[in-house]
Amino acid sequence: MPQLPFYIAGFAGYIPLGLTERIRAVNEDFRAKGKNYARFLDTLTPGQIAHGNEANYRNAQDEFNRFVESYEAGICYLCDKTLTSFSKKSPCPHWLMKPKGFKKNDLPAIAEKYGFYQIQAFLRWVANHDAFARNINDLSEEGTGKLFEVTIKWKNIEWAFSCAESDYQGHATSQHSKHQHYHFQMRLDNRPFINYSDFHLPFNEIDIINIETMRARPEKVKQRFSFGEGMSDLLSDETVEHIVNASASPDQESHGMFKLDSIAMAEEGKKISGDDVYALFQEAKEKGVTVASLMHKLPNARTQVIVTPGPGVVEQAPRGGRKNDA
């Protein structure tokens, strides 16, 4: 029986392991705790892992339900204030929805109170409330090879997180960035509001423990943002066949979540009939399905369908090596 993965819950308010959400001085002790936790997970049976995953999922579901109920009433479930409220006394991830009064220099207060995963989970829930997954691009193949790269869009606001290996290790030659940190970018109507280079936001204790656990056992420990799934959850080797067979042609091509490219090559010594291709297109049109889902029916042909993110998916906002993106 294959080893079941243990999923580290990614949601905004609940903190596993009973650890505080307050930021602390980052040191090697946090990394050691992560490695120790990974070794502890090695001792669990498949049944215990399944039970832990189920418990984490139930906790996330309960919290997500509270989020939705409050969100639809215009309230933040974390601080119990309106989503349009802003008070420097109560830092909250909902500030990133740009209530009146929020300035970029208020970001560190949010990062100090809430961790990397908590902030990201909240924003994922916000984005998925409008459109599931398409507004969260966390596809590694669309990134630049960093440890963490994700871009999230909601209405006219775009948020992006970035962390390279050197960020996670800390820049030893820089006093203000020698700690383990990540970068954050925010755009309003495609215009800069917070740049990646503006802040070096420190990971908190639970962030580092989670990251170290996953790094120690990458084949066994996975990050899961329950109800905050992005395109990496939808577009994988396990889902491609379902996407091809279940997708329908969108009313507007610019809204498509997936782009399906079909390739047909004639079998050796045979020819592909134009009439057969035309008939395939007509059948797809009549049934309201994609041509890609019918390609296997094309006579005398070897076919392949390539699935990539469609134009309706938010593009990643990569952080390069330029000075303004450091």
C-alpha atoms as a PDB file:
ATOM      1  CA  MET A   1       0.000   0.000   0.000  1.00  0.00           C
ATOM      2  CA  PRO A   2       1.496   3.386  -0.967  1.00  0.00           C
ATOM      3  CA  GLN A   3       2.228   5.796   1.856  1.00  0.00           C
ATOM      4  CA  LEU A   4      -0.576   8.310   2.294  1.00  0.00           C
ATOM      5  CA  PRO A   5       0.589  11.935   2.213  1.00  0.00           C
ATOM      6  CA  PHE A   6       0.043  13.994   5.328  1.00  0.00           C
ATOM      7  CA  TYR A   7      -1.526  17.321   4.438  1.00  0.00           C
ATOM      8  CA  ILE A   8      -0.492  20.440   6.335  1.00  0.00           C
ATOM      9  CA  ALA A   9      -3.631  22.531   6.604  1.00  0.00           C
ATOM     10  CA  GLY A  10      -3.511  25.967   5.040  1.00  0.00           C
ATOM     11  CA  PHE A  11      -6.268  28.140   6.378  1.00  0.00           C
ATOM     12  CA  ALA A  12      -6.368  31.492   7.988  1.00  0.00           C
ATOM     13  CA  GLY A  13      -7.236  31.393  11.672  1.00  0.00           C
ATOM     14  CA  TYR A  14      -6.590  27.893  13.019  1.00  0.00           C
ATOM     15  CA  ILE A  15      -3.003  27.214  14.140  1.00  0.00           C
ATOM     16  CA  PRO A  16      -1.995  23.513  14.352  1.00  0.00           C
ATOM     17  CA  LEU A  17       0.281  22.148  17.059  1.00  0.00           C
ATOM     18  CA  GLY A  18      -0.986  24.729  19.570  1.00  0.00           C
ATOM     19  CA  LEU A  19       1.648  27.280  18.529  1.00  0.00           C
ATOM     20  CA  THR A  20       1.238  31.038  18.840  1.00  0.00           C
ATOM     21  CA  GLU A  21       0.589  33.178  15.757  1.00  0.00           C
ATOM     22  CA  ARG A  22       2.831  35.985  17.013  1.00  0.00           C
ATOM     23  CA  ILE A  23       6.067  36.472  15.128  1.00  0.00           C
ATOM     24  CA  ARG A  24       9.246  35.604  17.012  1.00  0.00           C
ATOM     25  CA  ALA A  25      12.934  35.863  16.350  1.00  0.00           C
ATOM     26  CA  VAL A  26      13.673  33.334  13.642  1.00  0.00           C
ATOM     27  CA  ASN A  27      16.420  30.846  14.521  1.00  0.00           C
ATOM     28  CA  GLU A  28      17.599  27.338  13.854  1.00  0.00           C
ATOM     29  CA  ASP A  29      15.395  26.019  16.650  1.00  0.00           C
ATOM     30  CA  PHE A  30      12.339  26.462  14.431  1.00  0.00           C
ATOM     31  CA  ARG A  31      13.990  24.429  11.681  1.00  0.00           C
ATOM     32  CA  ALA A  32      14.878  21.714  14.178  1.00  0.00           C
ATOM     33  CA  LYS A  33      11.240  21.580  15.293  1.00  0.00           C
ATOM     34  CA  GLY A  34      10.170  21.092  11.681  1.00  0.00           C
ATOM     35  CA  LYS A  35      12.612  18.235  11.165  1.00  0.00           C
ATOM     36  CA  ASN A  36      11.499  16.669  14.446  1.00  0.00           C
ATOM     37  CA  TYR A  37       7.877  16.937  13.393  1.00  0.00           C
ATOM     38  CA  ALA A  38       8.726  15.214  10.101  1.00  0.00           C
ATOM     39  CA  ARG A  39      10.330  12.352  12.034  1.00  0.00           C
ATOM     40  CA  PHE A  40       7.218  12.138  14.207  1.00  0.00           C
ATOM     41  CA  LEU A  41       5.035  11.832  11.105  1.00  0.00           C
ATOM     42  CA  ASP A  42       7.195   8.901   9.994  1.00  0.00           C
ATOM     43  CA  THR A  43       5.964   6.968  13.027  1.00  0.00           C
ATOM     44  CA  LEU A  44       2.277   7.327  12.132  1.00  0.00           C
ATOM     45  CA  THR A  45       0.303   4.504  10.566  1.00  0.00           C
ATOM     46  CA  PRO A  46      -1.748   5.089   7.391  1.00  0.00           C
ATOM     47  CA  GLY A  47      -4.858   5.043   9.574  1.00  0.00           C
ATOM     48  CA  GLN A  48      -3.481   7.740  11.867  1.00  0.00           C
ATOM     49  CA  ILE A  49      -2.467   9.865   8.899  1.00  0.00           C
ATOM     50  CA  ALA A  50      -5.929   9.526   7.368  1.00  0.00           C
ATOM     51  CA  HIS A  51      -7.503  10.464  10.700  1.00  0.00           C
ATOM     52  CA  GLY A  52      -5.242  13.530  11.000  1.00  0.00           C
ATOM     53  CA  ASN A  53      -6.018  14.632   7.450  1.00  0.00           C
ATOM     54  CA  GLU A  54      -9.748  14.234   8.078  1.00  0.00           C
ATOM     55  CA  ALA A  55      -9.554  16.248  11.302  1.00  0.00           C
ATOM     56  CA  ASN A  56      -7.605  19.027   9.575  1.00  0.00           C
ATOM     57  CA  TYR A  57     -10.131  19.085   6.748  1.00  0.00           C
ATOM     58  CA  ARG A  58     -13.077  19.324   9.165  1.00  0.00           C
ATOM     59  CA  ASN A  59     -11.397  22.199  10.996  1.00  0.00           C
ATOM     60  CA  ALA A  60     -10.798  23.964   7.696  1.00  0.00           C
ATOM     61  CA  GLN A  61     -14.387  23.352   6.584  1.00  0.00           C
ATOM     62  CA  ASP A  62     -15.800  24.801   9.807  1.00  0.00           C
ATOM     63  CA  GLU A  63     -13.597  27.850   9.504  1.00  0.00           C
ATOM     64  CA  PHE A  64     -14.376  28.290   5.815  1.00  0.00           C
ATOM     65  CA  ASN A  65     -18.094  28.185   6.565  1.00  0.00           C
ATOM     66  CA  ARG A  66     -17.587  30.983   9.104  1.00  0.00           C
ATOM     67  CA  PHE A  67     -15.615  32.907   6.498  1.00  0.00           C
ATOM     68  CA  VAL A  68     -18.364  32.594   3.875  1.00  0.00           C
ATOM     69  CA  GLU A  69     -21.168  33.536   6.271  1.00  0.00           C
ATOM     70  CA  SER A  70     -19.285  36.620   7.432  1.00  0.00           C
ATOM     71  CA  TYR A  71     -17.959  37.550   3.989  1.00  0.00           C
ATOM     72  CA  GLU A  72     -21.417  37.552   2.441  1.00  0.00           C
ATOM     73  CA  ALA A  73     -22.564  39.842   5.256  1.00  0.00           C
ATOM     74  CA  GLY A  74     -19.656  42.192   4.565  1.00  0.00           C
ATOM     75  CA  ILE A  75     -17.854  41.187   7.764  1.00  0.00           C
ATOM     76  CA  CYS A  76     -14.344  39.824   8.304  1.00  0.00           C
ATOM     77  CA  TYR A  77     -14.603  36.617  10.296  1.00  0.00           C
ATOM     78  CA  LEU A  78     -11.133  37.117  11.780  1.00  0.00           C
ATOM     79  CA  CYS A  79     -11.625  40.533  13.383  1.00  0.00           C
ATOM     80  CA  ASP A  80     -15.454  40.814  13.342  1.00  0.00           C
ATOM     81  CA  LYS A  81     -15.228  44.228  11.695  1.00  0.00           C
ATOM     82  CA  THR A  82     -16.614  45.247   8.315  1.00  0.00           C
ATOM     83  CA  LEU A  83     -14.504  44.411   5.281  1.00  0.00           C
ATOM     84  CA  THR A  84     -14.383  48.135   4.504  1.00  0.00           C
ATOM     85  CA  SER A  85     -13.009  49.018   7.950  1.00  0.00           C
ATOM     86  CA  PHE A  86      -9.453  49.981   8.798  1.00  0.00           C
ATOM     87  CA  SER A  87      -8.002  50.543  12.237  1.00  0.00           C
ATOM     88  CA  LYS A  88      -4.280  50.563  12.960  1.00  0.00           C
ATOM     89  CA  LYS A  89      -5.056  49.008  16.326  1.00  0.00           C
ATOM     90  CA  SER A  90      -6.332  45.793  14.756  1.00  0.00           C
ATOM     91  CA  PRO A  91      -4.106  44.507  11.930  1.00  0.00           C
ATOM     92  CA  CYS A  92      -6.002  42.012   9.762  1.00  0.00           C
ATOM     93  CA  PRO A  93      -5.576  40.300   6.369  1.00  0.00           C
ATOM     94  CA  HIS A  94      -8.781  41.967   5.152  1.00  0.00           C
ATOM     95  CA  TRP A  95      -6.778  45.198   4.962  1.00  0.00           C
ATOM     96  CA  LEU A  96      -5.326  43.769   1.758  1.00  0.00           C
ATOM     97  CA  MET A  97      -8.778  44.207   0.204  1.00  0.00           C
ATOM     98  CA  LYS A  98      -7.850  47.904   0.324  1.00  0.00           C
ATOM     99  CA  PRO A  99     -10.279  49.541   2.749  1.00  0.00           C
ATOM    100  CA  LYS A 100     -10.044  53.317   2.898  1.00  0.00           C
ATOM    101  CA  GLY A 101      -7.002  54.411   4.865  1.00  0.00           C
ATOM    102  CA  PHE A 102      -4.810  51.362   4.232  1.00  0.00           C
ATOM    103  CA  LYS A 103      -1.314  52.311   3.069  1.00  0.00           C
ATOM    104  CA  LYS A 104       1.544  50.099   1.954  1.00  0.00           C
ATOM    105  CA  ASN A 105       3.503  50.788   5.137  1.00  0.00           C
ATOM    106  CA  ASP A 106       0.710  49.061   7.093  1.00  0.00           C
ATOM    107  CA  LEU A 107       1.634  45.713   5.510  1.00  0.00           C
ATOM    108  CA  PRO A 108       4.314  44.736   8.077  1.00  0.00           C
ATOM    109  CA  ALA A 109       1.731  44.948  10.875  1.00  0.00           C
ATOM    110  CA  ILE A 110      -0.356  42.292   9.115  1.00  0.00           C
ATOM    111  CA  ALA A 111       2.684  40.093   8.497  1.00  0.00           C
ATOM    112  CA  GLU A 112       3.712  40.419  12.139  1.00  0.00           C
ATOM    113  CA  LYS A 113       0.369  39.189  13.449  1.00  0.00           C
ATOM    114  CA  TYR A 114      -0.462  36.649  10.747  1.00  0.00           C
ATOM    115  CA  GLY A 115       1.864  34.202   9.043  1.00  0.00           C
ATOM    116  CA  PHE A 116       2.694  33.578   5.414  1.00  0.00           C
ATOM    117  CA  TYR A 117       0.241  30.697   5.143  1.00  0.00           C
ATOM    118  CA  GLN A 118      -2.535  32.438   7.083  1.00  0.00           C
ATOM    119  CA  ILE A 119      -2.471  35.554   4.920  1.00  0.00           C
ATOM    120  CA  GLN A 120      -2.298  33.520   1.728  1.00  0.00           C
ATOM    121  CA  ALA A 121      -5.137  31.234   2.808  1.00  0.00           C
ATOM    122  CA  PHE A 122      -7.424  34.194   3.538  1.00  0.00           C
ATOM    123  CA  LEU A 123      -6.716  35.761   0.139  1.00  0.00           C
ATOM    124  CA  ARG A 124      -7.268  32.422  -1.595  1.00  0.00           C
ATOM    125  CA  TRP A 125     -10.692  32.137   0.018  1.00  0.00           C
ATOM    126  CA  VAL A 126     -11.552  35.669  -1.054  1.00  0.00           C
ATOM    127  CA  ALA A 127     -10.499  34.963  -4.656  1.00  0.00           C
ATOM    128  CA  ASN A 128     -12.278  31.597  -4.849  1.00  0.00           C
ATOM    129  CA  HIS A 129     -15.515  33.124  -3.600  1.00  0.00           C
ATOM    130  CA  ASP A 130     -15.704  34.974  -6.921  1.00  0.00           C
ATOM    131  CA  ALA A 131     -14.355  32.292  -9.271  1.00  0.00           C
ATOM    132  CA  PHE A 132     -12.969  28.929  -8.256  1.00  0.00           C
ATOM    133  CA  ALA A 133      -9.232  28.393  -8.891  1.00  0.00           C
ATOM    134  CA  ARG A 134      -8.899  30.509 -12.038  1.00  0.00           C
ATOM    135  CA  ASN A 135      -7.909  33.548  -9.961  1.00  0.00           C
ATOM    136  CA  ILE A 136      -5.106  31.657  -8.193  1.00  0.00           C
ATOM    137  CA  ASN A 137      -2.093  30.843 -10.333  1.00  0.00           C
ATOM    138  CA  ASP A 138       0.322  28.689  -8.352  1.00  0.00           C
ATOM    139  CA  LEU A 139       1.550  26.577 -11.259  1.00  0.00           C
ATOM    140  CA  SER A 140       5.261  25.894 -10.877  1.00  0.00           C
ATOM    141  CA  GLU A 141       5.751  25.715 -14.649  1.00  0.00           C
ATOM    142  CA  GLU A 142       4.525  29.296 -14.968  1.00  0.00           C
ATOM    143  CA  GLY A 143       6.883  30.545 -12.283  1.00  0.00           C
ATOM    144  CA  THR A 144      10.606  31.221 -12.274  1.00  0.00           C
ATOM    145  CA  GLY A 145      11.784  28.288 -10.179  1.00  0.00           C
ATOM    146  CA  LYS A 146      11.502  29.854  -6.743  1.00  0.00           C
ATOM    147  CA  LEU A 147      10.403  27.977  -3.616  1.00  0.00           C
ATOM    148  CA  PHE A 148       7.030  29.719  -3.495  1.00  0.00           C
ATOM    149  CA  GLU A 149       5.348  31.691  -6.248  1.00  0.00           C
ATOM    150  CA  VAL A 150       1.642  32.420  -6.354  1.00  0.00           C
ATOM    151  CA  THR A 151      -0.464  35.204  -7.823  1.00  0.00           C
ATOM    152  CA  ILE A 152      -4.024  35.788  -6.611  1.00  0.00           C
ATOM    153  CA  LYS A 153      -6.593  38.106  -8.170  1.00  0.00           C
ATOM    154  CA  TRP A 154      -9.803  39.540  -6.738  1.00  0.00           C
ATOM    155  CA  LYS A 155     -11.800  42.174  -8.598  1.00  0.00           C
ATOM    156  CA  ASN A 156      -9.302  44.954  -9.461  1.00  0.00           C
ATOM    157  CA  ILE A 157      -6.678  43.807  -6.947  1.00  0.00           C
ATOM    158  CA  GLU A 158      -3.801  41.419  -7.575  1.00  0.00           C
ATOM    159  CA  TRP A 159      -1.652  39.961  -4.796  1.00  0.00           C
ATOM    160  CA  ALA A 160       1.532  37.956  -5.309  1.00  0.00           C
ATOM    161  CA  PHE A 161       3.862  36.063  -2.976  1.00  0.00           C
ATOM    162  CA  SER A 162       7.439  35.136  -3.821  1.00  0.00           C
ATOM    163  CA  CYS A 163      10.226  33.371  -1.945  1.00  0.00           C
ATOM    164  CA  ALA A 164      13.514  32.187  -3.439  1.00  0.00           C
ATOM    165  CA  GLU A 165      15.896  29.792  -1.712  1.00  0.00           C
ATOM    166  CA  SER A 166      18.151  32.737  -0.845  1.00  0.00           C
ATOM    167  CA  ASP A 167      15.181  34.528   0.751  1.00  0.00           C
ATOM    168  CA  TYR A 168      14.361  31.508   2.848  1.00  0.00           C
ATOM    169  CA  GLN A 169      17.969  31.142   3.965  1.00  0.00           C
ATOM    170  CA  GLY A 170      18.248  34.880   4.627  1.00  0.00           C
ATOM    171  CA  HIS A 171      20.718  37.290   3.050  1.00  0.00           C
ATOM    172  CA  ALA A 172      23.737  37.187   5.352  1.00  0.00           C
ATOM    173  CA  THR A 173      25.223  40.373   3.910  1.00  0.00           C
ATOM    174  CA  SER A 174      22.129  42.482   4.558  1.00  0.00           C
ATOM    175  CA  GLN A 175      21.063  43.584   8.031  1.00  0.00           C
ATOM    176  CA  HIS A 176      17.388  44.127   7.154  1.00  0.00           C
ATOM    177  CA  SER A 177      16.985  40.851   5.249  1.00  0.00           C
ATOM    178  CA  LYS A 178      19.225  38.384   7.063  1.00  0.00           C
ATOM    179  CA  HIS A 179      16.199  36.654   8.556  1.00  0.00           C
ATOM    180  CA  GLN A 180      14.178  34.040   6.660  1.00  0.00           C
ATOM    181  CA  HIS A 181      11.645  36.017   4.674  1.00  0.00           C
ATOM    182  CA  TYR A 182       9.330  36.291   1.691  1.00  0.00           C
ATOM    183  CA  HIS A 183       8.289  39.089  -0.639  1.00  0.00           C
ATOM    184  CA  PHE A 184       4.831  40.442  -1.412  1.00  0.00           C
ATOM    185  CA  GLN A 185       3.440  42.480  -4.270  1.00  0.00           C
ATOM    186  CA  MET A 186       0.075  44.210  -4.637  1.00  0.00           C
ATOM    187  CA  ARG A 187      -1.422  45.861  -7.702  1.00  0.00           C
ATOM    188  CA  LEU A 188      -4.537  48.042  -7.956  1.00  0.00           C
ATOM    189  CA  ASP A 189      -6.012  48.305 -11.451  1.00  0.00           C
ATOM    190  CA  ASN A 190      -2.674  46.922 -12.716  1.00  0.00           C
ATOM    191  CA  ARG A 191      -0.836  49.825 -11.089  1.00  0.00           C
ATOM    192  CA  PRO A 192       1.849  49.349  -8.406  1.00  0.00           C
ATOM    193  CA  PHE A 193       0.732  49.724  -4.795  1.00  0.00           C
ATOM    194  CA  ILE A 194       3.243  47.457  -3.010  1.00  0.00           C
ATOM    195  CA  ASN A 195       6.370  46.261  -4.800  1.00  0.00           C
ATOM    196  CA  TYR A 196       8.264  43.062  -4.090  1.00  0.00           C
ATOM    197  CA  SER A 197      11.302  45.113  -3.108  1.00  0.00           C
ATOM    198  CA  ASP A 198       9.456  47.222  -0.517  1.00  0.00           C
ATOM    199  CA  PHE A 199       9.573  44.699   2.324  1.00  0.00           C
ATOM    200  CA  HIS A 200      11.357  41.565   3.516  1.00  0.00           C
ATOM    201  CA  LEU A 201       8.529  39.946   5.481  1.00  0.00           C
ATOM    202  CA  PRO A 202       9.729  37.402   8.075  1.00  0.00           C
ATOM    203  CA  PHE A 203       8.302  33.910   8.281  1.00  0.00           C
ATOM    204  CA  ASN A 204       6.919  33.137  11.709  1.00  0.00           C
ATOM    205  CA  GLU A 205       7.512  30.000  13.737  1.00  0.00           C
ATOM    206  CA  ILE A 206       4.650  27.912  12.380  1.00  0.00           C
ATOM    207  CA  ASP A 207       5.583  28.923   8.807  1.00  0.00           C
ATOM    208  CA  ILE A 208       9.127  27.630   9.264  1.00  0.00           C
ATOM    209  CA  ILE A 209       8.030  24.436  10.996  1.00  0.00           C
ATOM    210  CA  ASN A 210       5.603  23.688   8.160  1.00  0.00           C
ATOM    211  CA  ILE A 211       8.190  24.461   5.485  1.00  0.00           C
ATOM    212  CA  GLU A 212      10.921  22.419   7.150  1.00  0.00           C
ATOM    213  CA  THR A 213       8.545  19.483   7.590  1.00  0.00           C
ATOM    214  CA  MET A 214       7.703  19.532   3.891  1.00  0.00           C
ATOM    215  CA  ARG A 215      11.352  19.924   2.889  1.00  0.00           C
ATOM    216  CA  ALA A 216      12.363  16.997   5.103  1.00  0.00           C
ATOM    217  CA  ARG A 217       9.676  14.676   3.703  1.00  0.00           C
ATOM    218  CA  PRO A 218       8.573  16.114   0.328  1.00  0.00           C
ATOM    219  CA  GLU A 219       7.113  12.779  -0.793  1.00  0.00           C
ATOM    220  CA  LYS A 220       5.012  12.401   2.359  1.00  0.00           C
ATOM    221  CA  VAL A 221       4.062  15.891   3.522  1.00  0.00           C
ATOM    222  CA  LYS A 222       2.067  18.218   1.277  1.00  0.00           C
ATOM    223  CA  GLN A 223       0.599  21.669   1.706  1.00  0.00           C
ATOM    224  CA  ARG A 224      -3.156  21.830   1.159  1.00  0.00           C
ATOM    225  CA  PHE A 225      -5.224  25.011   1.042  1.00  0.00           C
ATOM    226  CA  SER A 226      -8.657  23.513   1.618  1.00  0.00           C
ATOM    227  CA  PHE A 227     -11.278  25.609  -0.221  1.00  0.00           C
ATOM    228  CA  GLY A 228      -8.427  27.799  -1.424  1.00  0.00           C
ATOM    229  CA  GLU A 229      -7.361  25.519  -4.252  1.00  0.00           C
ATOM    230  CA  GLY A 230      -5.525  27.060  -7.177  1.00  0.00           C
ATOM    231  CA  MET A 231      -4.649  26.030 -10.704  1.00  0.00           C
ATOM    232  CA  SER A 232      -1.944  23.623  -9.522  1.00  0.00           C
ATOM    233  CA  ASP A 233      -4.689  21.576  -7.853  1.00  0.00           C
ATOM    234  CA  LEU A 234      -6.868  21.559 -10.958  1.00  0.00           C
ATOM    235  CA  LEU A 235      -4.208  21.045 -13.598  1.00  0.00           C
ATOM    236  CA  SER A 236      -2.149  17.930 -12.920  1.00  0.00           C
ATOM    237  CA  ASP A 237      -1.316  14.582 -14.471  1.00  0.00           C
ATOM    238  CA  GLU A 238      -4.223  13.069 -12.553  1.00  0.00           C
ATOM    239  CA  THR A 239      -6.803  15.576 -13.832  1.00  0.00           C
ATOM    240  CA  VAL A 240      -5.859  16.083 -17.486  1.00  0.00           C
ATOM    241  CA  GLU A 241      -8.042  13.280 -18.852  1.00  0.00           C
ATOM    242  CA  HIS A 242     -11.068  14.547 -16.915  1.00  0.00           C
ATOM    243  CA  ILE A 243     -10.445  18.117 -18.120  1.00  0.00           C
ATOM    244  CA  VAL A 244     -10.307  16.996 -21.757  1.00  0.00           C
ATOM    245  CA  ASN A 245     -13.475  14.914 -21.485  1.00  0.00           C
ATOM    246  CA  ALA A 246     -15.514  17.254 -19.301  1.00  0.00           C
ATOM    247  CA  SER A 247     -14.621  20.679 -20.689  1.00  0.00           C
ATOM    248  CA  ALA A 248     -17.115  22.619 -22.757  1.00  0.00           C
ATOM    249  CA  SER A 249     -16.308  25.406 -25.163  1.00  0.00           C
ATOM    250  CA  PRO A 250     -16.679  28.741 -23.308  1.00  0.00           C
ATOM    251  CA  ASP A 251     -19.100  31.383 -24.566  1.00  0.00           C
ATOM    252  CA  GLN A 252     -16.160  33.770 -24.715  1.00  0.00           C
ATOM    253  CA  GLU A 253     -12.708  32.367 -25.428  1.00  0.00           C
ATOM    254  CA  SER A 254     -11.090  35.003 -23.183  1.00  0.00           C
ATOM    255  CA  HIS A 255     -12.899  33.463 -20.182  1.00  0.00           C
ATOM    256  CA  GLY A 256     -11.647  29.916 -20.731  1.00  0.00           C
ATOM    257  CA  MET A 257      -9.949  28.269 -17.739  1.00  0.00           C
ATOM    258  CA  PHE A 258      -8.118  25.735 -19.896  1.00  0.00           C
ATOM    259  CA  LYS A 259      -6.547  25.903 -23.330  1.00  0.00           C
ATOM    260  CA  LEU A 260      -6.729  22.619 -25.249  1.00  0.00           C
ATOM    261  CA  ASP A 261      -4.392  22.178 -28.198  1.00  0.00           C
ATOM    262  CA  SER A 262      -4.974  19.113 -30.355  1.00  0.00           C
ATOM    263  CA  ILE A 263      -2.302  17.493 -32.488  1.00  0.00           C
ATOM    264  CA  ALA A 264      -3.083  14.841 -35.100  1.00  0.00           C
ATOM    265  CA  MET A 265      -0.494  12.914 -37.119  1.00  0.00           C
ATOM    266  CA  ALA A 266      -1.352  10.392 -39.798  1.00  0.00           C
ATOM    267  CA  GLU A 267      -0.458   6.815 -39.030  1.00  0.00           C
ATOM    268  CA  GLU A 268       2.313   5.394 -41.166  1.00  0.00           C
ATOM    269  CA  GLY A 269       1.143   4.735 -44.712  1.00  0.00           C
ATOM    270  CA  LYS A 270      -2.260   6.347 -44.103  1.00  0.00           C
ATOM    271  CA  LYS A 271      -3.886   9.735 -44.648  1.00  0.00           C
ATOM    272  CA  ILE A 272      -6.212  11.842 -42.534  1.00  0.00           C
ATOM    273  CA  SER A 273      -9.373  12.752 -44.383  1.00  0.00           C
ATOM    274  CA  GLY A 274     -10.469  16.396 -44.352  1.00  0.00           C
ATOM    275  CA  ASP A 275     -14.053  15.126 -44.328  1.00  0.00           C
ATOM    276  CA  ASP A 276     -13.379  13.199 -41.111  1.00  0.00           C
ATOM    277  CA  VAL A 277     -11.880  16.295 -39.490  1.00  0.00           C
ATOM    278  CA  TYR A 278     -14.881  18.384 -40.554  1.00  0.00           C
ATOM    279  CA  ALA A 279     -17.263  15.753 -39.187  1.00  0.00           C
ATOM    280  CA  LEU A 280     -15.409  15.845 -35.871  1.00  0.00           C
ATOM    281  CA  PHE A 281     -15.819  19.622 -35.626  1.00  0.00           C
ATOM    282  CA  GLN A 282     -19.513  19.356 -36.460  1.00  0.00           C
ATOM    283  CA  GLU A 283     -20.054  16.671 -33.820  1.00  0.00           C
ATOM    284  CA  ALA A 284     -18.311  18.796 -31.200  1.00  0.00           C
ATOM    285  CA  LYS A 285     -20.475  21.772 -32.116  1.00  0.00           C
ATOM    286  CA  GLU A 286     -23.709  19.762 -31.938  1.00  0.00           C
ATOM    287  CA  LYS A 287     -22.817  18.191 -28.582  1.00  0.00           C
ATOM    288  CA  GLY A 288     -21.411  21.387 -27.065  1.00  0.00           C
ATOM    289  CA  VAL A 289     -18.100  19.722 -26.263  1.00  0.00           C
ATOM    290  CA  THR A 290     -14.522  20.462 -27.237  1.00  0.00           C
ATOM    291  CA  VAL A 291     -12.948  19.008 -30.352  1.00  0.00           C
ATOM    292  CA  ALA A 292     -10.146  17.755 -28.120  1.00  0.00           C
ATOM    293  CA  SER A 293     -12.512  15.385 -26.317  1.00  0.00           C
ATOM    294  CA  LEU A 294     -13.357  13.700 -29.624  1.00  0.00           C
ATOM    295  CA  MET A 295      -9.877  13.532 -31.153  1.00  0.00           C
ATOM    296  CA  HIS A 296      -9.496   9.863 -30.250  1.00  0.00           C
ATOM    297  CA  LYS A 297     -12.257   9.099 -32.793  1.00  0.00           C
ATOM    298  CA  LEU A 298     -10.327  10.532 -35.762  1.00  0.00           C
ATOM    299  CA  PRO A 299      -9.561   7.657 -38.192  1.00  0.00           C
ATOM    300  CA  ASN A 300      -6.018   6.880 -39.348  1.00  0.00           C
ATOM    301  CA  ALA A 301      -4.483   9.280 -36.834  1.00  0.00           C
ATOM    302  CA  ARG A 302      -2.308   9.376 -33.749  1.00  0.00           C
ATOM    303  CA  THR A 303      -3.580  12.210 -31.610  1.00  0.00           C
ATOM    304  CA  GLN A 304      -2.381  14.178 -28.631  1.00  0.00           C
ATOM    305  CA  VAL A 305      -4.081  16.856 -26.551  1.00  0.00           C
ATOM    306  CA  ILE A 306      -2.027  19.432 -24.635  1.00  0.00           C
ATOM    307  CA  VAL A 307      -3.748  21.155 -21.713  1.00  0.00           C
ATOM    308  CA  THR A 308      -2.462  24.512 -20.472  1.00  0.00           C
ATOM    309  CA  PRO A 309      -3.997  27.400 -18.490  1.00  0.00           C
ATOM    310  CA  GLY A 310      -6.485  29.334 -20.558  1.00  0.00           C
ATOM    311  CA  PRO A 311      -6.769  33.102 -21.050  1.00  0.00           C
ATOM    312  CA  GLY A 312      -9.294  33.289 -18.213  1.00  0.00           C
ATOM    313  CA  VAL A 313      -6.607  32.363 -15.649  1.00  0.00           C
ATOM    314  CA  VAL A 314      -4.718  35.131 -13.889  1.00  0.00           C
ATOM    315  CA  GLU A 315      -1.116  35.363 -15.058  1.00  0.00           C
ATOM    316  CA  GLN A 316       1.685  34.952 -12.561  1.00  0.00           C
ATOM    317  CA  ALA A 317       3.504  38.125 -11.551  1.00  0.00           C
ATOM    318  CA  PRO A 318       7.110  36.884 -11.436  1.00  0.00           C
ATOM    319  CA  ARG A 319       9.846  38.507  -9.400  1.00  0.00           C
ATOM    320  CA  GLY A 320      13.061  38.757 -11.345  1.00  0.00           C
ATOM    321  CA  GLY A 321      16.586  39.509 -10.315  1.00  0.00           C
ATOM    322  CA  ARG A 322      16.415  43.203 -11.134  1.00  0.00           C
ATOM    323  CA  LYS A 323      17.263  45.702  -8.413  1.00  0.00           C
ATOM    324  CA  ASN A 324      13.672  46.866  -7.982  1.00  0.00           C
ATOM    325  CA  ASP A 325      12.523  43.286  -7.438  1.00  0.00           C
ATOM    326  CA  ALA A 326      15.178  42.243  -4.929  1.00  0.00           C
END
